[in-house]
Every structure is written in structure tokens, then in C-alpha cells.
Amino acid sequence: MAATTVLAGSNNPDFASKTVRACQATPALANLTDFLLEVGWTLSVPADLDDRAIRSYAATILSNQFGFGEVPDPRISSTWEQSLKNAGGARNLKKIEGSQQKDLWFVWEKTGSVLRVNSFKNDVYFQMNCVIAFKEEDSPITFQRLVEGSGPDPQELPPVYHLQPQISESHGVKRSLNGAILNIERISAVSDSEIDVSSVYTTFLSVRAERSE
């Protein structure tokens, strides 16, 4: 499969693109939070994440475990089960008052898609990254659509397809965007637990602190 841009072939272009772009648009955490709430995300806390959100977060862990090559079915299954187990531990995360690091969680209530924003700021530097897991109905693109018309059965293809990264720098702000499309048909077929997250996006933004708010 040829490399694909991150938001190509969008099923839900407004919701998906607004979310991803918001994470890259501003080096101000407060502005990002306001915008995400305006789009329709709900601010949550780790202890309140429901099972749908935990499964979404588990998919973000899974997507980092596989590269471009073929993966044996037993490894896919064990990795997904371990990702589910590790994701459940997120409910135990606690807020640390006065910390330079901020960790915010958002849930798309209709489906259980999840967005985690982690930021760090000191006197000279600010960085922020978003990890977004879109359920199948929310996803900008699905694995099935990605391979549509190409011939191969999803069962014969790798569990994760990584999209072409996007990296840029403008006015002192560095940005990067990575996407992974999950082959949910194959992952579900070889695992005891189904997966319903079609795509995971990770954004990273960094800037000198005087440029952020």
C-alpha cells in the first residue's frame, strides 16, 4: 500500500480534522481545552473513564507495538490483551498539584473515542502532545477503506498501517503528526476481545515558553 496522508478519505471530516488541527494550532493549553469543548469533547478524569474509553486508550498502546511488517497471530492477540490490561491502569492516575506537567483526558460521549493531552512547561520551553483514538464510526479513515479495491484480504495484511508522518516548523513552533490505521478485522479475528478503534493519531508541538500562554 502506498503512503497516505493522515486525513485522507475522511468519513467524518469536520469532527476528525477539527480535533487534530486543534491539537496543532495553539501552544496554549487553555485555548486548546476551550476549543475541544466547543467541538464536542467532554473533559474527564482518569478515574471516570468507562470501558469504552479504556478500550480506546488500549488501542493507542497497541498501535505503538507494531511496525510495517507481518506479525504472527499469537503476538497480535497477546499484545492486544496486554494493551487492554495496561490501559485499565490509567484509572489510577492522580493529578499532581503544582506540577509543570499537565495531563488532560477528553471523551467523545457518543462513541467512547478518547483524547489525551499531555503538556509540560518551564521557564524556557513548552511542549504538548495529543493522542487520539477514534472509534470506527468517528475515524477519518478505516483500514477497509484504505485497502478498498487493492485486492488483499485484510486477514492477510499487517495489523497496523502507519501513515506518512507530517513534520513542520513555523515561527518557532515545531509540529509533528503521525497516524496509524488499525486492521480491526484481523485483530478481532485472532483475539478473544474485539477492537473497535480504527485509527490513532499523535500530535506533538513544541515552542519556547515566551511564545506560549
N, C-alpha and C. Protein backbone atom coordinates (compact mmCIF):
# COMPACT_ATOMS: atom_id res chain seq x y z
N MET A 1 0.84 -1.19 0.00
CA MET A 1 0.00 0.00 0.00
C MET A 1 0.87 1.24 0.00
N ALA A 2 0.50 2.22 -0.79
CA ALA A 2 1.28 3.45 -0.86
C ALA A 2 1.06 4.29 0.38
N ALA A 3 2.05 5.12 0.69
CA ALA A 3 1.91 6.02 1.84
C ALA A 3 0.73 6.95 1.62
N THR A 4 0.03 7.24 2.68
CA THR A 4 -1.20 8.02 2.61
C THR A 4 -1.11 9.19 3.57
N THR A 5 -1.66 10.33 3.18
CA THR A 5 -1.67 11.46 4.09
C THR A 5 -2.63 11.20 5.23
N VAL A 6 -2.42 11.88 6.33
CA VAL A 6 -3.07 11.50 7.58
C VAL A 6 -4.58 11.61 7.56
N LEU A 7 -5.13 12.64 6.94
CA LEU A 7 -6.57 12.83 7.00
C LEU A 7 -7.26 12.55 5.67
N ALA A 8 -6.61 11.76 4.81
CA ALA A 8 -7.22 11.45 3.52
C ALA A 8 -8.41 10.52 3.69
N GLY A 9 -9.38 10.65 2.79
CA GLY A 9 -10.52 9.73 2.76
C GLY A 9 -11.36 9.79 4.01
N SER A 10 -11.64 10.98 4.50
CA SER A 10 -12.29 11.12 5.79
C SER A 10 -13.75 10.70 5.77
N ASN A 11 -14.16 9.90 6.77
CA ASN A 11 -15.57 9.57 6.96
C ASN A 11 -16.30 10.71 7.67
N ASN A 12 -15.64 11.33 8.60
CA ASN A 12 -16.23 12.37 9.43
C ASN A 12 -15.27 13.55 9.45
N PRO A 13 -15.13 14.27 8.33
CA PRO A 13 -14.03 15.22 8.18
C PRO A 13 -14.05 16.37 9.17
N ASP A 14 -15.24 16.92 9.49
CA ASP A 14 -15.29 18.07 10.37
C ASP A 14 -14.82 17.72 11.78
N PHE A 15 -15.39 16.66 12.35
CA PHE A 15 -15.04 16.26 13.71
C PHE A 15 -13.57 15.85 13.80
N ALA A 16 -13.13 15.00 12.88
CA ALA A 16 -11.76 14.49 12.94
C ALA A 16 -10.74 15.58 12.66
N SER A 17 -10.93 16.32 11.60
CA SER A 17 -9.93 17.32 11.22
C SER A 17 -9.87 18.46 12.23
N LYS A 18 -11.01 18.87 12.76
CA LYS A 18 -11.02 19.93 13.76
C LYS A 18 -10.26 19.50 15.01
N THR A 19 -10.44 18.25 15.40
CA THR A 19 -9.77 17.74 16.58
C THR A 19 -8.26 17.71 16.39
N VAL A 20 -7.81 17.13 15.27
CA VAL A 20 -6.38 17.02 15.01
C VAL A 20 -5.75 18.40 14.84
N ARG A 21 -6.42 19.26 14.10
CA ARG A 21 -5.87 20.59 13.86
C ARG A 21 -5.82 21.43 15.12
N ALA A 22 -6.81 21.25 16.00
CA ALA A 22 -6.80 21.99 17.26
C ALA A 22 -5.58 21.63 18.09
N CYS A 23 -5.20 20.37 18.06
CA CYS A 23 -4.04 19.93 18.84
C CYS A 23 -2.74 20.52 18.29
N GLN A 24 -2.75 20.96 17.06
CA GLN A 24 -1.56 21.52 16.44
C GLN A 24 -1.61 23.03 16.30
N ALA A 25 -2.76 23.61 16.57
CA ALA A 25 -2.97 25.02 16.23
C ALA A 25 -2.37 26.01 17.22
N THR A 26 -2.43 25.68 18.50
CA THR A 26 -2.05 26.67 19.50
C THR A 26 -1.14 26.08 20.58
N PRO A 27 -0.11 26.82 20.98
CA PRO A 27 0.72 26.37 22.10
C PRO A 27 0.17 26.83 23.44
N ALA A 28 -1.13 27.03 23.52
CA ALA A 28 -1.78 27.44 24.76
C ALA A 28 -2.76 26.36 25.18
N LEU A 29 -2.50 25.70 26.29
CA LEU A 29 -3.32 24.58 26.73
C LEU A 29 -4.75 25.03 27.02
N ALA A 30 -4.91 26.21 27.60
CA ALA A 30 -6.26 26.70 27.92
C ALA A 30 -7.08 26.90 26.65
N ASN A 31 -6.44 27.46 25.62
CA ASN A 31 -7.14 27.68 24.35
C ASN A 31 -7.54 26.35 23.71
N LEU A 32 -6.63 25.37 23.77
CA LEU A 32 -6.94 24.06 23.23
C LEU A 32 -8.12 23.44 23.95
N THR A 33 -8.11 23.50 25.27
CA THR A 33 -9.20 22.93 26.06
C THR A 33 -10.53 23.56 25.69
N ASP A 34 -10.56 24.89 25.60
CA ASP A 34 -11.80 25.58 25.23
C ASP A 34 -12.30 25.13 23.86
N PHE A 35 -11.37 24.99 22.92
CA PHE A 35 -11.76 24.62 21.57
C PHE A 35 -12.29 23.20 21.52
N LEU A 36 -11.63 22.28 22.22
CA LEU A 36 -12.08 20.88 22.22
C LEU A 36 -13.49 20.76 22.82
N LEU A 37 -13.74 21.51 23.88
CA LEU A 37 -15.07 21.50 24.48
C LEU A 37 -16.11 22.07 23.51
N GLU A 38 -15.71 23.09 22.78
CA GLU A 38 -16.61 23.69 21.79
C GLU A 38 -16.94 22.71 20.67
N VAL A 39 -15.94 21.93 20.23
CA VAL A 39 -16.16 20.94 19.18
C VAL A 39 -17.12 19.85 19.64
N GLY A 40 -17.07 19.50 20.92
CA GLY A 40 -17.98 18.48 21.43
C GLY A 40 -17.35 17.44 22.34
N TRP A 41 -16.03 17.55 22.59
CA TRP A 41 -15.39 16.63 23.53
C TRP A 41 -15.82 16.97 24.96
N THR A 42 -15.83 15.96 25.83
CA THR A 42 -16.16 16.14 27.24
C THR A 42 -14.91 15.91 28.07
N LEU A 43 -14.58 16.89 28.91
CA LEU A 43 -13.42 16.76 29.79
C LEU A 43 -13.73 15.71 30.87
N SER A 44 -12.80 14.80 31.08
CA SER A 44 -12.99 13.73 32.04
C SER A 44 -11.77 13.65 32.95
N VAL A 45 -11.81 12.69 33.87
CA VAL A 45 -10.66 12.40 34.71
C VAL A 45 -10.42 10.89 34.62
N PRO A 46 -9.19 10.44 34.81
CA PRO A 46 -8.87 9.02 34.63
C PRO A 46 -9.80 8.07 35.38
N ALA A 47 -10.14 8.41 36.61
CA ALA A 47 -10.97 7.50 37.41
C ALA A 47 -12.37 7.30 36.82
N ASP A 48 -12.81 8.25 35.98
CA ASP A 48 -14.16 8.18 35.42
C ASP A 48 -14.20 7.59 34.02
N LEU A 49 -13.08 7.17 33.49
CA LEU A 49 -13.09 6.60 32.14
C LEU A 49 -13.88 5.30 32.12
N ASP A 50 -14.88 5.21 31.24
CA ASP A 50 -15.67 3.98 31.16
C ASP A 50 -14.95 2.94 30.31
N ASP A 51 -15.55 1.77 30.19
CA ASP A 51 -14.90 0.68 29.48
C ASP A 51 -14.66 1.01 28.01
N ARG A 52 -15.57 1.79 27.41
CA ARG A 52 -15.37 2.17 26.00
C ARG A 52 -14.12 3.02 25.85
N ALA A 53 -13.94 3.97 26.76
CA ALA A 53 -12.78 4.84 26.70
C ALA A 53 -11.49 4.09 26.98
N ILE A 54 -11.55 3.15 27.91
CA ILE A 54 -10.36 2.34 28.21
C ILE A 54 -9.95 1.51 27.00
N ARG A 55 -10.93 0.95 26.30
CA ARG A 55 -10.61 0.18 25.10
C ARG A 55 -10.01 1.08 24.02
N SER A 56 -10.49 2.31 23.96
CA SER A 56 -9.91 3.27 23.01
C SER A 56 -8.46 3.57 23.37
N TYR A 57 -8.22 3.80 24.64
CA TYR A 57 -6.86 4.10 25.07
C TYR A 57 -5.95 2.90 24.84
N ALA A 58 -6.49 1.72 25.03
CA ALA A 58 -5.70 0.50 24.79
C ALA A 58 -5.22 0.45 23.35
N ALA A 59 -6.05 0.93 22.43
CA ALA A 59 -5.67 0.92 21.02
C ALA A 59 -4.48 1.83 20.76
N THR A 60 -4.34 2.90 21.54
CA THR A 60 -3.17 3.78 21.36
C THR A 60 -1.90 3.06 21.79
N ILE A 61 -2.02 2.20 22.79
CA ILE A 61 -0.86 1.40 23.23
C ILE A 61 -0.51 0.37 22.17
N LEU A 62 -1.54 -0.30 21.67
CA LEU A 62 -1.33 -1.33 20.66
C LEU A 62 -0.65 -0.78 19.41
N SER A 63 -1.07 0.40 18.98
CA SER A 63 -0.58 0.95 17.71
C SER A 63 0.92 1.21 17.74
N ASN A 64 1.49 1.36 18.93
CA ASN A 64 2.93 1.61 19.05
C ASN A 64 3.76 0.33 19.07
N GLN A 65 3.10 -0.81 19.12
CA GLN A 65 3.82 -2.08 19.30
C GLN A 65 4.22 -2.75 17.99
N PHE A 66 3.62 -2.30 16.89
CA PHE A 66 3.87 -2.96 15.62
C PHE A 66 4.39 -1.97 14.58
N GLY A 67 5.31 -2.45 13.76
CA GLY A 67 5.82 -1.63 12.67
C GLY A 67 5.06 -1.92 11.39
N PHE A 68 5.79 -1.96 10.28
CA PHE A 68 5.15 -2.15 8.99
C PHE A 68 5.06 -3.61 8.57
N GLY A 69 5.83 -4.48 9.19
CA GLY A 69 5.92 -5.86 8.73
C GLY A 69 4.81 -6.75 9.23
N GLU A 70 4.89 -8.00 8.80
CA GLU A 70 3.93 -9.02 9.20
C GLU A 70 4.15 -9.38 10.67
N VAL A 71 3.04 -9.72 11.34
CA VAL A 71 3.08 -10.09 12.75
C VAL A 71 2.29 -11.38 12.93
N PRO A 72 2.83 -12.37 13.62
CA PRO A 72 2.10 -13.63 13.84
C PRO A 72 0.82 -13.40 14.65
N ASP A 73 -0.20 -14.20 14.37
CA ASP A 73 -1.48 -14.05 15.06
C ASP A 73 -1.35 -14.12 16.58
N PRO A 74 -0.59 -15.07 17.14
CA PRO A 74 -0.49 -15.14 18.60
C PRO A 74 0.07 -13.85 19.21
N ARG A 75 1.02 -13.22 18.52
CA ARG A 75 1.57 -11.98 19.05
C ARG A 75 0.55 -10.85 18.98
N ILE A 76 -0.25 -10.82 17.91
CA ILE A 76 -1.30 -9.80 17.83
C ILE A 76 -2.25 -9.95 19.00
N SER A 77 -2.70 -11.18 19.24
CA SER A 77 -3.65 -11.45 20.30
C SER A 77 -3.08 -11.08 21.67
N SER A 78 -1.87 -11.52 21.96
CA SER A 78 -1.29 -11.27 23.29
C SER A 78 -1.00 -9.78 23.49
N THR A 79 -0.61 -9.10 22.42
CA THR A 79 -0.33 -7.68 22.54
C THR A 79 -1.60 -6.88 22.80
N TRP A 80 -2.68 -7.25 22.15
CA TRP A 80 -3.95 -6.56 22.37
C TRP A 80 -4.46 -6.81 23.79
N GLU A 81 -4.37 -8.03 24.26
CA GLU A 81 -4.81 -8.34 25.62
C GLU A 81 -3.97 -7.59 26.65
N GLN A 82 -2.67 -7.51 26.42
CA GLN A 82 -1.81 -6.79 27.34
C GLN A 82 -2.08 -5.29 27.29
N SER A 83 -2.39 -4.78 26.11
CA SER A 83 -2.72 -3.36 25.96
C SER A 83 -3.99 -3.03 26.74
N LEU A 84 -4.98 -3.92 26.68
CA LEU A 84 -6.20 -3.72 27.46
C LEU A 84 -5.92 -3.68 28.96
N LYS A 85 -5.07 -4.59 29.38
CA LYS A 85 -4.70 -4.65 30.80
C LYS A 85 -3.97 -3.38 31.24
N ASN A 86 -3.01 -2.95 30.44
CA ASN A 86 -2.24 -1.75 30.79
C ASN A 86 -3.11 -0.50 30.76
N ALA A 87 -4.02 -0.44 29.80
CA ALA A 87 -4.87 0.74 29.69
C ALA A 87 -5.76 0.91 30.92
N GLY A 88 -6.19 -0.20 31.50
CA GLY A 88 -7.01 -0.11 32.70
C GLY A 88 -6.32 0.58 33.85
N GLY A 89 -5.00 0.52 33.86
CA GLY A 89 -4.25 1.20 34.91
C GLY A 89 -4.35 2.70 34.84
N ALA A 90 -4.80 3.24 33.71
CA ALA A 90 -4.94 4.69 33.59
C ALA A 90 -5.93 5.25 34.60
N ARG A 91 -6.88 4.42 35.03
CA ARG A 91 -7.86 4.90 36.01
C ARG A 91 -7.23 5.25 37.36
N ASN A 92 -6.03 4.76 37.59
CA ASN A 92 -5.36 5.01 38.87
C ASN A 92 -4.48 6.27 38.85
N LEU A 93 -4.38 6.91 37.69
CA LEU A 93 -3.55 8.11 37.60
C LEU A 93 -4.14 9.23 38.47
N LYS A 94 -3.26 9.95 39.15
CA LYS A 94 -3.69 11.03 40.03
C LYS A 94 -3.11 12.36 39.57
N LYS A 95 -3.86 13.41 39.80
CA LYS A 95 -3.40 14.75 39.47
C LYS A 95 -2.40 15.22 40.51
N ILE A 96 -1.27 15.77 40.05
CA ILE A 96 -0.25 16.28 40.96
C ILE A 96 -0.31 17.80 40.95
N GLU A 97 -0.75 18.37 42.04
CA GLU A 97 -0.90 19.81 42.14
C GLU A 97 0.47 20.50 42.05
N GLY A 98 0.50 21.58 41.28
CA GLY A 98 1.72 22.36 41.16
C GLY A 98 2.74 21.80 40.19
N SER A 99 2.43 20.70 39.55
CA SER A 99 3.38 20.08 38.63
C SER A 99 3.50 20.90 37.35
N GLN A 100 4.69 20.88 36.75
CA GLN A 100 4.89 21.53 35.46
C GLN A 100 4.25 20.74 34.33
N GLN A 101 3.87 19.52 34.63
CA GLN A 101 3.25 18.65 33.63
C GLN A 101 1.74 18.58 33.86
N LYS A 102 0.98 18.76 32.78
CA LYS A 102 -0.47 18.68 32.84
C LYS A 102 -0.93 17.49 32.00
N ASP A 103 -1.92 16.78 32.50
CA ASP A 103 -2.42 15.59 31.83
C ASP A 103 -3.95 15.68 31.80
N LEU A 104 -4.51 15.92 30.61
CA LEU A 104 -5.95 16.08 30.48
C LEU A 104 -6.54 14.97 29.61
N TRP A 105 -7.73 14.53 29.96
CA TRP A 105 -8.41 13.47 29.23
C TRP A 105 -9.77 13.97 28.74
N PHE A 106 -10.08 13.64 27.50
CA PHE A 106 -11.36 14.01 26.91
C PHE A 106 -12.00 12.77 26.31
N VAL A 107 -13.33 12.71 26.37
CA VAL A 107 -14.07 11.57 25.82
C VAL A 107 -15.15 12.09 24.89
N TRP A 108 -15.31 11.41 23.75
CA TRP A 108 -16.43 11.69 22.86
C TRP A 108 -17.57 10.78 23.32
N GLU A 109 -18.54 11.39 24.03
CA GLU A 109 -19.53 10.62 24.76
C GLU A 109 -20.37 9.69 23.88
N LYS A 110 -20.62 10.07 22.65
CA LYS A 110 -21.48 9.27 21.79
C LYS A 110 -20.89 7.89 21.50
N THR A 111 -19.57 7.82 21.44
CA THR A 111 -18.94 6.58 20.97
C THR A 111 -17.88 6.01 21.91
N GLY A 112 -17.25 6.87 22.72
CA GLY A 112 -16.16 6.40 23.56
C GLY A 112 -14.79 6.65 22.96
N SER A 113 -14.71 7.38 21.84
CA SER A 113 -13.40 7.82 21.37
C SER A 113 -12.74 8.63 22.47
N VAL A 114 -11.42 8.61 22.53
CA VAL A 114 -10.72 9.24 23.65
C VAL A 114 -9.56 10.09 23.14
N LEU A 115 -9.29 11.16 23.87
CA LEU A 115 -8.21 12.09 23.55
C LEU A 115 -7.47 12.42 24.83
N ARG A 116 -6.16 12.19 24.82
CA ARG A 116 -5.32 12.51 25.97
C ARG A 116 -4.35 13.62 25.57
N VAL A 117 -4.31 14.66 26.38
CA VAL A 117 -3.41 15.79 26.14
C VAL A 117 -2.41 15.86 27.28
N ASN A 118 -1.14 15.80 26.94
CA ASN A 118 -0.09 15.89 27.93
C ASN A 118 0.80 17.08 27.59
N SER A 119 1.02 17.96 28.56
CA SER A 119 1.85 19.13 28.29
C SER A 119 2.86 19.34 29.40
N PHE A 120 3.92 20.03 29.05
CA PHE A 120 4.98 20.36 30.01
C PHE A 120 5.46 21.78 29.72
N LYS A 121 5.63 22.55 30.78
CA LYS A 121 6.09 23.93 30.60
C LYS A 121 7.00 24.32 31.74
N ASN A 122 8.15 24.89 31.37
CA ASN A 122 9.02 25.52 32.37
C ASN A 122 9.32 26.94 31.92
N ASP A 123 10.37 27.55 32.43
CA ASP A 123 10.64 28.95 32.13
C ASP A 123 11.05 29.20 30.69
N VAL A 124 11.55 28.18 30.01
CA VAL A 124 12.09 28.40 28.67
C VAL A 124 11.45 27.53 27.59
N TYR A 125 10.61 26.59 27.96
CA TYR A 125 10.17 25.61 26.97
C TYR A 125 8.76 25.14 27.27
N PHE A 126 8.00 24.93 26.19
CA PHE A 126 6.65 24.38 26.31
C PHE A 126 6.49 23.28 25.26
N GLN A 127 5.95 22.15 25.67
CA GLN A 127 5.65 21.10 24.71
C GLN A 127 4.29 20.48 25.04
N MET A 128 3.63 20.01 24.01
CA MET A 128 2.30 19.44 24.19
C MET A 128 2.10 18.34 23.16
N ASN A 129 1.57 17.21 23.61
CA ASN A 129 1.22 16.18 22.64
C ASN A 129 -0.18 15.65 22.91
N CYS A 130 -0.86 15.33 21.84
CA CYS A 130 -2.20 14.75 21.90
C CYS A 130 -2.15 13.34 21.34
N VAL A 131 -2.83 12.43 22.00
CA VAL A 131 -3.00 11.07 21.49
C VAL A 131 -4.51 10.85 21.36
N ILE A 132 -4.95 10.57 20.14
CA ILE A 132 -6.38 10.49 19.85
C ILE A 132 -6.70 9.12 19.29
N ALA A 133 -7.68 8.47 19.89
CA ALA A 133 -8.15 7.17 19.38
C ALA A 133 -9.59 7.34 18.90
N PHE A 134 -9.78 7.16 17.60
CA PHE A 134 -11.11 7.29 17.01
C PHE A 134 -11.77 5.93 16.83
N LYS A 135 -12.95 5.79 17.38
CA LYS A 135 -13.75 4.60 17.11
C LYS A 135 -14.06 4.52 15.62
N GLU A 136 -14.50 3.36 15.17
CA GLU A 136 -14.72 3.15 13.74
C GLU A 136 -15.66 4.19 13.14
N GLU A 137 -16.73 4.54 13.85
CA GLU A 137 -17.70 5.48 13.30
C GLU A 137 -17.19 6.93 13.30
N ASP A 138 -16.17 7.21 14.08
CA ASP A 138 -15.60 8.56 14.16
C ASP A 138 -14.36 8.74 13.29
N SER A 139 -13.76 7.64 12.90
CA SER A 139 -12.44 7.67 12.29
C SER A 139 -12.41 8.37 10.94
N PRO A 140 -11.37 9.17 10.70
CA PRO A 140 -11.21 9.81 9.39
C PRO A 140 -11.08 8.79 8.26
N ILE A 141 -10.50 7.64 8.57
CA ILE A 141 -10.32 6.59 7.56
C ILE A 141 -10.26 5.25 8.28
N THR A 142 -10.72 4.22 7.60
CA THR A 142 -10.67 2.87 8.16
C THR A 142 -9.73 2.01 7.32
N PHE A 143 -9.29 0.91 7.89
CA PHE A 143 -8.40 0.01 7.17
C PHE A 143 -9.09 -0.55 5.93
N GLN A 144 -10.38 -0.87 6.07
CA GLN A 144 -11.13 -1.42 4.95
C GLN A 144 -11.16 -0.44 3.79
N ARG A 145 -11.36 0.83 4.11
CA ARG A 145 -11.40 1.84 3.06
C ARG A 145 -10.01 2.08 2.47
N LEU A 146 -8.99 1.95 3.31
CA LEU A 146 -7.62 2.16 2.86
C LEU A 146 -7.23 1.16 1.79
N VAL A 147 -7.66 -0.09 1.95
CA VAL A 147 -7.26 -1.14 1.01
C VAL A 147 -8.34 -1.43 -0.02
N GLU A 148 -9.42 -0.66 0.01
CA GLU A 148 -10.54 -0.89 -0.90
C GLU A 148 -10.06 -0.90 -2.36
N GLY A 149 -10.40 -1.96 -3.06
CA GLY A 149 -10.06 -2.06 -4.46
C GLY A 149 -8.65 -2.55 -4.74
N SER A 150 -7.84 -2.75 -3.68
CA SER A 150 -6.46 -3.17 -3.89
C SER A 150 -6.31 -4.68 -3.97
N GLY A 151 -7.35 -5.40 -3.56
CA GLY A 151 -7.32 -6.85 -3.72
C GLY A 151 -7.09 -7.66 -2.46
N PRO A 152 -6.06 -7.36 -1.64
CA PRO A 152 -5.75 -8.23 -0.50
C PRO A 152 -6.88 -8.29 0.54
N ASP A 153 -7.06 -9.44 1.11
CA ASP A 153 -7.98 -9.63 2.22
C ASP A 153 -7.33 -9.04 3.47
N PRO A 154 -8.07 -8.22 4.26
CA PRO A 154 -7.48 -7.67 5.48
C PRO A 154 -6.87 -8.72 6.40
N GLN A 155 -7.39 -9.95 6.34
CA GLN A 155 -6.86 -11.02 7.18
C GLN A 155 -5.43 -11.39 6.78
N GLU A 156 -5.04 -11.01 5.58
CA GLU A 156 -3.70 -11.33 5.09
C GLU A 156 -2.74 -10.15 5.21
N LEU A 157 -3.19 -9.06 5.80
CA LEU A 157 -2.38 -7.84 5.89
C LEU A 157 -1.96 -7.57 7.34
N PRO A 158 -0.93 -6.77 7.55
CA PRO A 158 -0.45 -6.46 8.90
C PRO A 158 -1.54 -5.83 9.78
N PRO A 159 -1.39 -5.92 11.09
CA PRO A 159 -2.42 -5.39 12.00
C PRO A 159 -2.48 -3.86 12.06
N VAL A 160 -1.38 -3.21 11.72
CA VAL A 160 -1.32 -1.74 11.79
C VAL A 160 -0.66 -1.20 10.53
N TYR A 161 -1.25 -0.14 9.98
CA TYR A 161 -0.64 0.56 8.85
C TYR A 161 -0.33 1.99 9.29
N HIS A 162 0.94 2.35 9.26
CA HIS A 162 1.36 3.69 9.69
C HIS A 162 1.35 4.66 8.51
N LEU A 163 0.66 5.76 8.70
CA LEU A 163 0.58 6.77 7.66
C LEU A 163 1.85 7.60 7.59
N GLN A 164 2.01 8.29 6.49
CA GLN A 164 3.20 9.13 6.29
C GLN A 164 3.21 10.27 7.31
N PRO A 165 4.27 10.40 8.11
CA PRO A 165 4.34 11.48 9.11
C PRO A 165 4.36 12.86 8.45
N GLN A 166 3.85 13.82 9.17
CA GLN A 166 3.90 15.22 8.73
C GLN A 166 4.67 16.02 9.78
N ILE A 167 5.71 16.69 9.34
CA ILE A 167 6.57 17.46 10.25
C ILE A 167 6.75 18.86 9.67
N SER A 168 6.62 19.88 10.53
CA SER A 168 6.76 21.25 10.06
C SER A 168 7.29 22.14 11.18
N GLU A 169 7.81 23.29 10.79
CA GLU A 169 8.25 24.30 11.74
C GLU A 169 7.93 25.67 11.17
N SER A 170 7.28 26.51 11.98
CA SER A 170 6.89 27.84 11.52
C SER A 170 6.86 28.79 12.70
N HIS A 171 7.52 29.94 12.53
CA HIS A 171 7.54 30.98 13.57
C HIS A 171 7.97 30.42 14.93
N GLY A 172 8.93 29.53 14.90
CA GLY A 172 9.49 28.99 16.14
C GLY A 172 8.69 27.86 16.76
N VAL A 173 7.61 27.45 16.12
CA VAL A 173 6.78 26.37 16.64
C VAL A 173 7.02 25.12 15.79
N LYS A 174 7.43 24.04 16.44
CA LYS A 174 7.67 22.77 15.76
C LYS A 174 6.44 21.88 15.95
N ARG A 175 6.01 21.25 14.86
CA ARG A 175 4.83 20.41 14.91
C ARG A 175 5.09 19.09 14.19
N SER A 176 4.49 18.03 14.71
CA SER A 176 4.53 16.75 14.01
C SER A 176 3.19 16.05 14.18
N LEU A 177 2.88 15.21 13.21
CA LEU A 177 1.62 14.48 13.21
C LEU A 177 1.86 13.09 12.64
N ASN A 178 1.44 12.09 13.41
CA ASN A 178 1.56 10.69 12.97
C ASN A 178 0.20 10.01 13.08
N GLY A 179 -0.05 9.11 12.17
CA GLY A 179 -1.31 8.37 12.19
C GLY A 179 -1.09 6.89 11.99
N ALA A 180 -1.94 6.09 12.62
CA ALA A 180 -1.89 4.64 12.45
C ALA A 180 -3.31 4.13 12.23
N ILE A 181 -3.49 3.33 11.18
CA ILE A 181 -4.80 2.75 10.89
C ILE A 181 -4.77 1.29 11.33
N LEU A 182 -5.73 0.91 12.14
CA LEU A 182 -5.75 -0.43 12.72
C LEU A 182 -6.59 -1.38 11.88
N ASN A 183 -6.04 -2.54 11.61
CA ASN A 183 -6.73 -3.59 10.88
C ASN A 183 -7.63 -4.33 11.86
N ILE A 184 -8.76 -3.71 12.18
CA ILE A 184 -9.61 -4.23 13.26
C ILE A 184 -10.20 -5.60 12.90
N GLU A 185 -10.38 -5.85 11.62
CA GLU A 185 -10.93 -7.15 11.21
C GLU A 185 -9.97 -8.27 11.60
N ARG A 186 -8.70 -8.08 11.34
CA ARG A 186 -7.74 -9.14 11.66
C ARG A 186 -7.48 -9.20 13.16
N ILE A 187 -7.31 -8.07 13.81
CA ILE A 187 -7.03 -8.06 15.24
C ILE A 187 -8.16 -8.74 16.01
N SER A 188 -9.40 -8.42 15.64
CA SER A 188 -10.55 -9.01 16.32
C SER A 188 -10.65 -10.50 16.05
N ALA A 189 -10.31 -10.90 14.83
CA ALA A 189 -10.46 -12.31 14.45
C ALA A 189 -9.50 -13.21 15.20
N VAL A 190 -8.32 -12.70 15.55
CA VAL A 190 -7.31 -13.55 16.19
C VAL A 190 -7.26 -13.35 17.71
N SER A 191 -8.13 -12.48 18.24
CA SER A 191 -8.09 -12.16 19.67
C SER A 191 -9.39 -12.56 20.34
N ASP A 192 -9.32 -12.73 21.66
CA ASP A 192 -10.53 -13.03 22.42
C ASP A 192 -11.42 -11.81 22.58
N SER A 193 -10.82 -10.62 22.50
CA SER A 193 -11.56 -9.38 22.67
C SER A 193 -11.53 -8.58 21.37
N GLU A 194 -12.69 -8.13 20.91
CA GLU A 194 -12.75 -7.34 19.69
C GLU A 194 -12.14 -5.96 19.92
N ILE A 195 -11.72 -5.35 18.83
CA ILE A 195 -11.22 -3.99 18.87
C ILE A 195 -12.11 -3.15 17.96
N ASP A 196 -12.48 -1.96 18.42
CA ASP A 196 -13.39 -1.12 17.64
C ASP A 196 -12.81 0.27 17.36
N VAL A 197 -11.51 0.42 17.52
CA VAL A 197 -10.83 1.68 17.20
C VAL A 197 -10.16 1.52 15.84
N SER A 198 -10.50 2.41 14.92
CA SER A 198 -9.98 2.29 13.56
C SER A 198 -8.70 3.08 13.34
N SER A 199 -8.51 4.16 14.09
CA SER A 199 -7.31 4.97 13.85
C SER A 199 -6.84 5.65 15.12
N VAL A 200 -5.52 5.86 15.16
CA VAL A 200 -4.88 6.55 16.28
C VAL A 200 -4.00 7.65 15.69
N TYR A 201 -4.13 8.85 16.23
CA TYR A 201 -3.32 9.98 15.78
C TYR A 201 -2.54 10.55 16.95
N THR A 202 -1.31 10.91 16.69
CA THR A 202 -0.46 11.50 17.71
C THR A 202 0.12 12.82 17.17
N THR A 203 -0.10 13.89 17.91
CA THR A 203 0.46 15.18 17.52
C THR A 203 1.47 15.62 18.58
N PHE A 204 2.44 16.39 18.14
CA PHE A 204 3.45 16.93 19.05
C PHE A 204 3.74 18.36 18.64
N LEU A 205 3.78 19.24 19.63
CA LEU A 205 4.04 20.66 19.41
C LEU A 205 5.04 21.13 20.45
N SER A 206 6.03 21.90 20.03
CA SER A 206 6.99 22.45 20.98
C SER A 206 7.34 23.88 20.59
N VAL A 207 7.60 24.70 21.59
CA VAL A 207 7.88 26.12 21.37
C VAL A 207 8.57 26.68 22.60
N ARG A 208 9.35 27.72 22.40
CA ARG A 208 9.94 28.39 23.56
C ARG A 208 8.81 29.03 24.36
N ALA A 209 8.93 29.01 25.67
CA ALA A 209 7.84 29.36 26.57
C ALA A 209 7.30 30.76 26.35
N GLU A 210 8.15 31.71 25.96
CA GLU A 210 7.66 33.08 25.81
C GLU A 210 6.67 33.21 24.66
N ARG A 211 6.61 32.18 23.78
CA ARG A 211 5.67 32.21 22.69
C ARG A 211 4.35 31.55 23.07
N SER A 212 4.30 30.92 24.22
CA SER A 212 3.07 30.26 24.64
C SER A 212 2.41 31.05 25.75
N GLU A 213 1.18 30.67 26.06
CA GLU A 213 0.45 31.35 27.13
C GLU A 213 0.15 30.37 28.26
